[in-house]
Protein backbone atom coordinates (compact mmCIF):
# COMPACT_ATOMS: atom_id res chain seq x y z
CA MET A 1 -63.65 32.80 -11.63
CA LEU A 2 -63.75 29.03 -11.47
CA VAL A 3 -60.49 27.20 -11.73
CA GLU A 4 -60.79 23.67 -13.07
CA LEU A 5 -58.88 21.24 -10.89
CA ILE A 6 -56.45 18.86 -12.51
CA PRO A 7 -57.46 15.21 -11.96
CA VAL A 8 -55.07 13.27 -9.76
CA GLU A 9 -54.63 10.55 -12.40
CA GLN A 10 -53.70 13.09 -15.07
CA PHE A 11 -51.21 14.71 -12.71
CA GLN A 12 -49.65 11.32 -12.00
CA VAL A 13 -49.32 10.64 -15.73
CA PHE A 14 -47.65 14.03 -16.12
CA ALA A 15 -45.29 13.17 -13.25
CA ILE A 16 -44.28 9.97 -15.04
CA CYS A 17 -43.64 11.94 -18.23
CA THR A 18 -41.64 14.51 -16.28
CA ALA A 19 -39.52 11.82 -14.61
CA ARG A 20 -38.36 10.37 -17.92
CA VAL A 21 -37.86 13.73 -19.61
CA ALA A 22 -35.99 15.02 -16.55
CA GLY A 23 -33.77 11.94 -16.68
CA PHE A 24 -32.93 12.57 -20.32
CA ILE A 25 -32.42 16.30 -19.84
CA GLY A 26 -30.25 15.73 -16.79
CA ALA A 27 -28.26 13.15 -18.74
CA ILE A 28 -26.91 15.77 -21.15
CA PRO A 29 -23.19 15.96 -20.28
CA VAL A 30 -23.24 19.76 -20.22
CA LEU A 31 -25.99 19.72 -17.59
CA MET A 32 -24.74 16.77 -15.55
CA GLY A 33 -22.14 18.72 -13.64
CA ALA A 34 -22.67 20.68 -10.47
CA GLN A 35 -21.84 23.93 -12.28
CA SER A 36 -25.37 23.89 -13.78
CA PRO A 37 -27.81 25.27 -11.19
CA ALA A 38 -30.46 22.81 -10.06
CA ARG A 39 -33.22 25.38 -10.62
CA ILE A 40 -32.28 25.76 -14.27
CA LYS A 41 -32.25 22.00 -14.81
CA ALA A 42 -35.58 21.58 -13.00
CA GLY A 43 -37.17 24.46 -14.91
CA LEU A 44 -35.93 23.11 -18.23
CA ALA A 45 -37.23 19.61 -17.43
CA ILE A 46 -40.69 20.87 -16.43
CA THR A 47 -40.91 23.16 -19.47
CA MET A 48 -39.96 20.34 -21.84
CA SER A 49 -42.47 18.05 -20.11
CA LEU A 50 -45.26 20.58 -20.57
CA VAL A 51 -44.42 20.84 -24.28
CA LEU A 52 -44.09 17.09 -24.86
CA PHE A 53 -46.90 15.87 -22.59
CA PRO A 54 -49.68 16.15 -25.23
CA LEU A 55 -47.56 14.05 -27.61
CA LEU A 56 -46.52 11.44 -25.07
CA ARG A 57 -49.81 11.11 -23.18
CA SER A 58 -51.10 8.34 -25.44
CA TYR A 59 -48.09 6.12 -24.72
CA ILE A 60 -48.65 6.12 -20.94
CA VAL A 61 -51.43 3.56 -20.49
CA ASP A 62 -52.15 0.69 -18.11
CA VAL A 63 -50.17 2.23 -15.27
CA ASP A 64 -50.71 1.08 -11.69
CA PHE A 65 -51.01 4.23 -9.57
CA ARG A 66 -50.69 2.60 -6.18
CA ILE A 67 -48.11 4.57 -4.21
CA PRO A 68 -45.33 1.91 -3.92
CA VAL A 69 -45.67 0.89 -7.58
CA PHE A 70 -45.92 4.51 -8.70
CA LEU A 71 -42.78 5.53 -6.79
CA LEU A 72 -40.87 2.55 -8.21
CA LEU A 73 -42.00 3.53 -11.69
CA MET A 74 -40.74 7.09 -11.15
CA VAL A 75 -37.36 5.75 -10.07
CA ASN A 76 -37.18 3.49 -13.13
CA GLU A 77 -38.02 6.36 -15.46
CA THR A 78 -35.29 8.54 -13.96
CA LEU A 79 -32.83 5.64 -14.01
CA LEU A 80 -33.46 5.22 -17.73
CA GLY A 81 -32.30 8.77 -18.37
CA MET A 82 -29.23 8.21 -16.21
CA MET A 83 -28.27 5.13 -18.25
CA ILE A 84 -28.62 7.14 -21.45
CA GLY A 85 -26.40 9.82 -19.96
CA LEU A 86 -23.84 7.21 -18.97
CA ILE A 87 -23.41 6.23 -22.63
CA ALA A 88 -22.63 9.82 -23.57
CA ARG A 89 -20.46 10.28 -20.49
CA PHE A 90 -18.16 7.49 -21.67
CA ILE A 91 -16.98 9.72 -24.53
CA PHE A 92 -16.04 12.59 -22.23
CA THR A 93 -14.35 10.18 -19.83
CA SER A 94 -12.27 8.89 -22.75
CA VAL A 95 -11.24 12.45 -23.58
CA GLU A 96 -10.25 13.09 -19.96
CA TYR A 97 -8.36 9.80 -19.80
CA GLY A 98 -6.40 10.63 -22.95
CA GLY A 99 -5.62 14.10 -21.62
CA THR A 100 -4.42 12.66 -18.31
CA VAL A 101 -2.03 10.30 -20.09
CA ILE A 102 -0.70 13.14 -22.25
CA GLY A 103 -0.24 15.43 -19.25
CA TYR A 104 1.61 12.75 -17.31
CA GLN A 105 3.97 12.01 -20.20
CA MET A 106 4.73 15.64 -20.98
CA GLY A 107 5.60 16.48 -17.37
CA PHE A 108 2.31 17.97 -16.14
CA ALA A 109 1.59 15.18 -13.64
CA ALA A 110 1.31 17.65 -10.75
CA ALA A 111 -0.41 20.44 -12.75
CA ASN A 112 -4.02 19.88 -11.64
CA ILE A 113 -6.94 22.29 -11.57
CA PHE A 114 -10.43 22.09 -10.09
CA ASP A 115 -13.04 20.66 -12.45
CA PRO A 116 -16.44 22.20 -11.57
CA GLN A 117 -18.29 19.68 -13.69
CA ASN A 118 -17.04 16.64 -11.76
CA GLN A 119 -16.23 18.42 -8.47
CA ARG A 120 -12.68 17.08 -8.28
CA GLN A 121 -9.11 17.85 -9.24
CA THR A 122 -8.22 16.97 -12.82
CA ALA A 123 -5.16 17.22 -15.02
CA LEU A 124 -4.63 20.48 -16.91
CA ILE A 125 -4.51 18.87 -20.37
CA SER A 126 -7.47 16.69 -19.47
CA GLN A 127 -9.52 19.78 -18.63
CA PHE A 128 -8.47 21.47 -21.87
CA GLN A 129 -9.60 18.51 -23.96
CA ASN A 130 -12.81 18.19 -21.96
CA VAL A 131 -13.71 21.83 -22.66
CA PHE A 132 -12.92 21.27 -26.34
CA ALA A 133 -15.22 18.23 -26.39
CA ILE A 134 -18.04 20.20 -24.70
CA LEU A 135 -17.76 23.05 -27.21
CA LEU A 136 -17.84 20.55 -30.09
CA PHE A 137 -20.78 18.80 -28.44
CA LEU A 138 -22.77 22.04 -28.39
CA SER A 139 -21.67 23.28 -31.82
CA LEU A 140 -22.86 20.04 -33.46
CA ASP A 141 -26.21 20.20 -31.59
CA ILE A 142 -25.65 16.76 -30.10
CA HIS A 143 -27.78 17.73 -27.10
CA HIS A 144 -30.79 17.58 -29.44
CA TYR A 145 -30.28 13.82 -29.67
CA PHE A 146 -31.31 13.48 -26.03
CA ILE A 147 -34.61 15.27 -26.69
CA TYR A 148 -35.29 13.13 -29.76
CA ALA A 149 -34.45 10.01 -27.77
CA ALA A 150 -36.80 11.06 -24.96
CA ILE A 151 -39.66 11.38 -27.45
CA HIS A 152 -39.05 8.19 -29.41
CA SER A 153 -38.24 6.18 -26.29
CA TYR A 154 -41.95 5.93 -25.53
CA GLU A 155 -42.47 4.06 -28.80
CA LEU A 156 -39.73 1.53 -28.02
CA LEU A 157 -40.07 1.38 -24.25
CA PRO A 158 -43.40 2.44 -22.70
CA PRO A 159 -43.36 3.21 -18.96
CA GLY A 160 -43.38 0.15 -16.74
CA ASN A 161 -41.54 -2.13 -19.18
CA LEU A 162 -37.98 -1.54 -17.99
CA ASN A 163 -36.12 -4.88 -17.99
CA PHE A 164 -32.54 -5.19 -16.74
CA SER A 165 -32.26 -8.94 -17.28
CA GLY A 166 -31.56 -8.68 -21.00
CA GLU A 167 -28.53 -7.46 -22.93
CA ALA A 168 -28.58 -3.90 -21.58
CA ILE A 169 -25.94 -4.34 -18.87
CA PRO A 170 -23.48 -6.28 -21.14
CA PHE A 171 -24.00 -3.59 -23.77
CA ILE A 172 -23.01 -0.84 -21.33
CA VAL A 173 -20.01 -2.90 -20.18
CA ASP A 174 -18.85 -3.23 -23.79
CA LEU A 175 -19.14 0.52 -24.25
CA SER A 176 -17.15 1.12 -21.08
CA SER A 177 -14.33 -1.07 -22.40
CA ARG A 178 -14.28 1.00 -25.56
CA MET A 179 -13.58 4.05 -23.38
CA PHE A 180 -9.95 2.98 -22.92
CA ILE A 181 -9.48 2.34 -26.64
CA LEU A 182 -10.85 5.76 -27.50
CA GLY A 183 -8.67 7.41 -24.85
CA ALA A 184 -5.61 5.71 -26.35
CA GLN A 185 -6.58 7.03 -29.78
CA PHE A 186 -6.76 10.57 -28.44
CA SER A 187 -3.34 10.37 -26.81
CA ALA A 188 -1.56 8.25 -29.45
CA PRO A 189 -0.07 11.08 -31.62
CA VAL A 190 1.48 12.88 -28.65
CA LEU A 191 2.74 9.65 -27.08
CA VAL A 192 4.43 8.55 -30.31
CA ILE A 193 6.22 11.88 -30.71
CA LEU A 194 7.27 11.90 -27.06
CA LEU A 195 8.59 8.36 -27.45
CA LEU A 196 10.72 9.46 -30.40
CA SER A 197 11.83 12.50 -28.41
CA GLY A 198 12.90 10.29 -25.51
CA LEU A 199 14.78 8.02 -27.89
CA ILE A 200 16.67 10.95 -29.41
CA LEU A 201 17.47 12.39 -25.99
CA GLY A 202 18.73 8.98 -24.88
CA ILE A 203 21.07 8.83 -27.86
CA LEU A 204 22.31 12.36 -27.09
CA ALA A 205 22.90 11.41 -23.46
CA ARG A 206 25.08 8.49 -24.56
CA SER A 207 26.92 10.62 -27.12
CA PHE A 208 27.41 13.68 -24.89
CA PRO A 209 27.67 12.67 -21.22
CA GLN A 210 28.13 16.32 -20.21
CA LEU A 211 24.66 17.18 -21.55
CA ASN A 212 22.01 17.42 -18.79
CA VAL A 213 19.30 15.54 -20.64
CA PHE A 214 16.99 15.42 -17.63
CA LEU A 215 16.63 19.22 -17.40
CA LEU A 216 16.52 19.56 -21.18
CA SER A 217 13.67 17.07 -21.53
CA PHE A 218 11.14 19.12 -19.53
CA PRO A 219 10.86 22.23 -21.74
CA LEU A 220 11.45 20.18 -24.88
CA ASN A 221 8.65 17.71 -24.13
CA ILE A 222 6.25 20.50 -23.20
CA MET A 223 6.97 22.40 -26.42
CA ILE A 224 6.65 19.26 -28.55
CA SER A 225 3.44 18.18 -26.83
CA PHE A 226 1.69 21.53 -27.23
CA THR A 227 2.75 21.65 -30.87
CA VAL A 228 1.39 18.17 -31.58
CA ILE A 229 -1.82 18.89 -29.66
CA GLY A 230 -2.39 21.99 -31.76
CA LEU A 231 -1.68 20.14 -35.01
CA THR A 232 -3.94 17.19 -34.16
CA LEU A 233 -7.03 19.08 -32.98
CA GLY A 234 -8.56 18.37 -36.37
CA LEU A 235 -8.03 14.64 -35.80
CA VAL A 236 -9.59 14.89 -32.35
CA LYS A 237 -12.56 16.67 -33.88
CA ILE A 238 -13.01 13.85 -36.40
CA LEU A 239 -12.85 11.20 -33.67
CA LEU A 240 -15.30 13.05 -31.44
CA SER A 241 -17.70 13.75 -34.31
CA ARG A 242 -17.70 10.06 -35.20
CA GLU A 243 -18.47 9.06 -31.62
CA PHE A 244 -21.16 11.73 -31.25
CA ASP A 245 -22.83 10.61 -34.48
CA MET A 246 -23.06 7.08 -33.11
CA LEU A 247 -24.95 8.20 -29.99
CA PRO A 248 -28.50 7.92 -31.47
CA GLU A 249 -27.84 4.36 -32.59
CA ARG A 250 -26.48 3.47 -29.15
CA PHE A 251 -29.46 5.12 -27.45
CA TYR A 252 -31.99 3.12 -29.44
CA THR A 253 -29.97 -0.09 -29.03
CA LEU A 254 -30.07 0.34 -25.26
CA LEU A 255 -33.79 1.05 -25.33
CA ARG A 256 -34.42 -2.14 -27.33
CA PHE A 257 -32.32 -4.16 -24.87
CA LEU A 258 -34.25 -2.72 -21.93
CA ASN A 259 -37.62 -3.71 -23.41
C-alpha cells in the first residue's frame, strides 16, 4: 500500500493554522490554568486545526517559509491567541479582585486556599466567585466565542500581518483599567452593608461601653456578608453576562487594531 507523503509546504501551512488555533483554544480561561492537562489542550488544538484547516487554508497565502521567518510567524500566531485570552482573563481577575476585597472586609483576610488554576494562594471568597464565574462562562457557551474568533480572525488579520504599533496596546491598557471598576462593582453591595454595620456597631460602642464590639463584629460581619452575597448573586450574574456578551466585540476590535 502506497502512502502519499504530505508536502512540506502544506505541513508548514497546517502548522501556522495550528499555532493560531492553539493560541485561541489555550486562551479560553477554563483551559488556561495548570489544572487542565497539557495533553488534552494539545489534542483539542490539533483536532480543531484538522477540522478548520480546509476552511482556513485559502487565507494563508504569500507566507515566507524560511526557518527564521517561519518560527517568528509561529510565535506571532500564538501570541495573538494569548492577547485574546488576556482580554477574557481581565473579567475573571476583576471577579477575584472583588472577592478579595469582600473577604478582607468581612474578616477572611487570612482564610486562603490553593487555586489550581493560577497555582497560588487566593482568598476564600475570591475562589468562590471565580468558580461561579467559570460555571456561568460555560453555561452561556462563551467558550464558543473563541472558536468563532479563531475562524473569523483570518478574514480580519491574515498570518504575517500582526502589527503592534497601532492602537492594540492602548486598547488592552484601557481594558485593564476597567478591571478595577468592575471589581468595585462586584464588591460594592457587600462593602456598603458592612460600612453601615460598622457605623451601627460604632454607635453601640459609644452608647454601651461594656459591649465588646470587637468580638461581636466578627460573626456579625460574616453573617451579613454571606447573606448579601447570596442575595446579590443575581446581580453578579447580570454583570458577568454583560461583560461576556461584550467579548466578541472586543475580540474583533483588537484584531482590527493589530492589522
